[in-house]
Amino acid sequence: MIKQNFIDLFVGQKLYKFRKQAKRSRIDVAAAIGVQPETLLEFETGTERVPADVLLQLSKVLQCDVREFFSGLVSKGAASNATAVGAVMASETTEEVEVATLLRNFSRVEDQKARSVILSLVAAYAENENAKDR
């Protein structure tokens, strides 16, 4: 695992956004580029750096220009990583930031039992919310 930095986080959020816009599942896209879904999750959350060749494959699979993964990234020498991450997140919608944050934090939970409990909790809560809408 690499040390996470704001560029990896930025590219990961863009990847997640483009995958959702293309209406492609993580499993589908991972298979198309020859990686495991867990690896694609690590790319999307910025916990793993996307290799250049994989980024090129992703641009083809998601039908976007490879430069779009960096569009909006402004590097200022004096900007701290926290400021840069804040700027990146401000350019995304609230839901995209929440999902990226949830994915990033969930990917850091190593205990399988805890992961299962978290997934069950989120699923139960979502089902309860859906029941309210009926």
Protein backbone atom coordinates (compact mmCIF):
# COMPACT_ATOMS: atom_id res chain seq x y z
CA MET A 1 0.00 0.00 0.00
CA ILE A 2 1.30 3.43 -0.92
CA LYS A 3 1.14 6.51 1.26
CA GLN A 4 -2.10 8.20 0.22
CA ASN A 5 -1.76 11.65 -1.27
CA PHE A 6 -4.22 14.19 -2.63
CA ILE A 7 -3.52 13.35 -6.29
CA ASP A 8 -4.31 9.65 -5.74
CA LEU A 9 -7.48 10.68 -3.92
CA PHE A 10 -8.41 13.10 -6.71
CA VAL A 11 -7.88 10.53 -9.49
CA GLY A 12 -9.75 7.90 -7.46
CA GLN A 13 -12.75 10.16 -7.02
CA LYS A 14 -12.75 10.93 -10.74
CA LEU A 15 -12.57 7.21 -11.51
CA TYR A 16 -15.53 6.53 -9.24
CA LYS A 17 -17.49 9.40 -10.82
CA PHE A 18 -16.78 8.25 -14.39
CA ARG A 19 -17.68 4.64 -13.56
CA LYS A 20 -20.99 5.73 -12.06
CA GLN A 21 -21.71 8.02 -15.03
CA ALA A 22 -21.07 5.08 -17.36
CA LYS A 23 -23.47 3.00 -15.24
CA ARG A 24 -20.87 0.25 -14.91
CA SER A 25 -20.44 -1.96 -11.85
CA ARG A 26 -17.12 -2.26 -10.09
CA ILE A 27 -17.07 -5.98 -10.94
CA ASP A 28 -17.69 -5.27 -14.63
CA VAL A 29 -15.01 -2.58 -14.92
CA ALA A 30 -12.49 -4.60 -12.90
CA ALA A 31 -12.98 -7.59 -15.21
CA ALA A 32 -12.63 -5.37 -18.29
CA ILE A 33 -9.21 -4.11 -17.17
CA GLY A 34 -8.00 -7.39 -15.64
CA VAL A 35 -7.94 -6.55 -11.94
CA GLN A 36 -9.90 -7.72 -8.92
CA PRO A 37 -12.89 -5.60 -7.80
CA GLU A 38 -11.06 -4.98 -4.52
CA THR A 39 -8.16 -3.47 -6.46
CA LEU A 40 -10.53 -1.19 -8.35
CA LEU A 41 -12.01 -0.14 -4.99
CA GLU A 42 -8.50 0.72 -3.78
CA PHE A 43 -7.98 2.84 -6.91
CA GLU A 44 -11.32 4.61 -6.38
CA THR A 45 -10.59 5.37 -2.75
CA GLY A 46 -7.05 6.54 -3.44
CA THR A 47 -5.52 3.89 -1.19
CA GLU A 48 -3.64 2.52 -4.20
CA ARG A 49 -2.15 4.53 -7.04
CA VAL A 50 -3.57 3.78 -10.50
CA PRO A 51 -0.72 2.75 -12.81
CA ALA A 52 -0.49 4.74 -16.05
CA ASP A 53 -1.26 1.72 -18.25
CA VAL A 54 -4.34 0.91 -16.18
CA LEU A 55 -5.47 4.55 -16.33
CA LEU A 56 -5.29 4.33 -20.12
CA GLN A 57 -7.33 1.10 -20.09
CA LEU A 58 -9.89 2.74 -17.79
CA SER A 59 -10.26 5.70 -20.14
CA LYS A 60 -11.10 3.29 -22.96
CA VAL A 61 -13.49 1.16 -20.89
CA LEU A 62 -15.27 4.22 -19.45
CA GLN A 63 -15.10 6.08 -22.78
CA CYS A 64 -13.44 9.22 -21.47
CA ASP A 65 -10.26 11.08 -22.32
CA VAL A 66 -7.44 10.01 -20.01
CA ARG A 67 -6.77 13.70 -19.29
CA GLU A 68 -10.22 13.94 -17.66
CA PHE A 69 -8.88 12.04 -14.64
CA PHE A 70 -6.74 15.10 -13.88
CA SER A 71 -9.12 17.81 -15.06
CA GLY A 72 -9.62 20.36 -12.30
CA LEU A 73 -6.50 19.40 -10.41
CA VAL A 74 -4.58 22.55 -9.65
CA SER A 75 -1.22 22.11 -8.04
CA LYS A 76 -0.06 25.05 -5.97
CA GLY A 77 3.36 24.83 -4.39
CA ALA A 78 2.23 26.38 -1.13
CA ALA A 79 -0.98 24.35 -0.81
CA SER A 80 -0.99 21.70 1.87
CA ASN A 81 -2.38 18.24 1.16
CA ALA A 82 -5.38 18.96 3.37
CA THR A 83 -6.17 22.15 1.46
CA ALA A 84 -5.78 20.35 -1.86
CA VAL A 85 -8.04 17.49 -0.75
CA GLY A 86 -10.60 20.04 0.42
CA ALA A 87 -10.50 21.75 -2.97
CA VAL A 88 -10.94 18.43 -4.73
CA MET A 89 -13.88 17.51 -2.56
CA ALA A 90 -15.50 20.92 -3.03
CA SER A 91 -15.60 20.28 -6.78
CA GLU A 92 -17.60 17.06 -6.30
CA THR A 93 -21.19 16.71 -5.20
CA THR A 94 -21.93 16.00 -1.56
CA GLU A 95 -23.09 12.48 -2.37
CA GLU A 96 -19.91 11.70 -4.32
CA VAL A 97 -17.76 12.92 -1.44
CA GLU A 98 -19.78 10.89 1.06
CA VAL A 99 -19.54 7.73 -1.03
CA ALA A 100 -15.80 8.20 -1.61
CA THR A 101 -15.26 8.81 2.12
CA LEU A 102 -17.33 5.75 3.02
CA LEU A 103 -15.43 3.57 0.55
CA ARG A 104 -12.04 4.90 1.65
CA ASN A 105 -12.79 4.28 5.32
CA PHE A 106 -14.48 0.91 4.77
CA SER A 107 -11.48 -0.32 2.77
CA ARG A 108 -9.32 0.34 5.84
CA VAL A 109 -11.39 -1.99 8.06
CA GLU A 110 -9.46 -5.28 8.05
CA ASP A 111 -11.59 -7.38 10.40
CA GLN A 112 -13.97 -9.48 8.26
CA LYS A 113 -16.56 -9.75 11.03
CA ALA A 114 -16.60 -5.97 11.48
CA ARG A 115 -16.88 -5.49 7.70
CA SER A 116 -19.86 -7.86 7.63
CA VAL A 117 -21.55 -6.01 10.48
CA ILE A 118 -21.01 -2.65 8.76
CA LEU A 119 -22.44 -3.95 5.48
CA SER A 120 -25.46 -5.41 7.29
CA LEU A 121 -26.03 -2.15 9.15
CA VAL A 122 -25.94 -0.06 5.97
CA ALA A 123 -28.21 -2.51 4.13
CA ALA A 124 -30.72 -2.58 7.01
CA TYR A 125 -30.75 1.20 7.25
CA ALA A 126 -31.23 1.58 3.49
CA GLU A 127 -34.09 -0.94 3.55
CA ASN A 128 -35.72 1.00 6.41
CA GLU A 129 -35.39 4.25 4.43
CA ASN A 130 -36.94 2.61 1.37
CA ALA A 131 -39.83 1.33 3.47
CA LYS A 132 -40.53 4.88 4.67
CA ASP A 133 -40.85 6.07 1.05
CA ARG A 134 -43.55 3.50 0.21
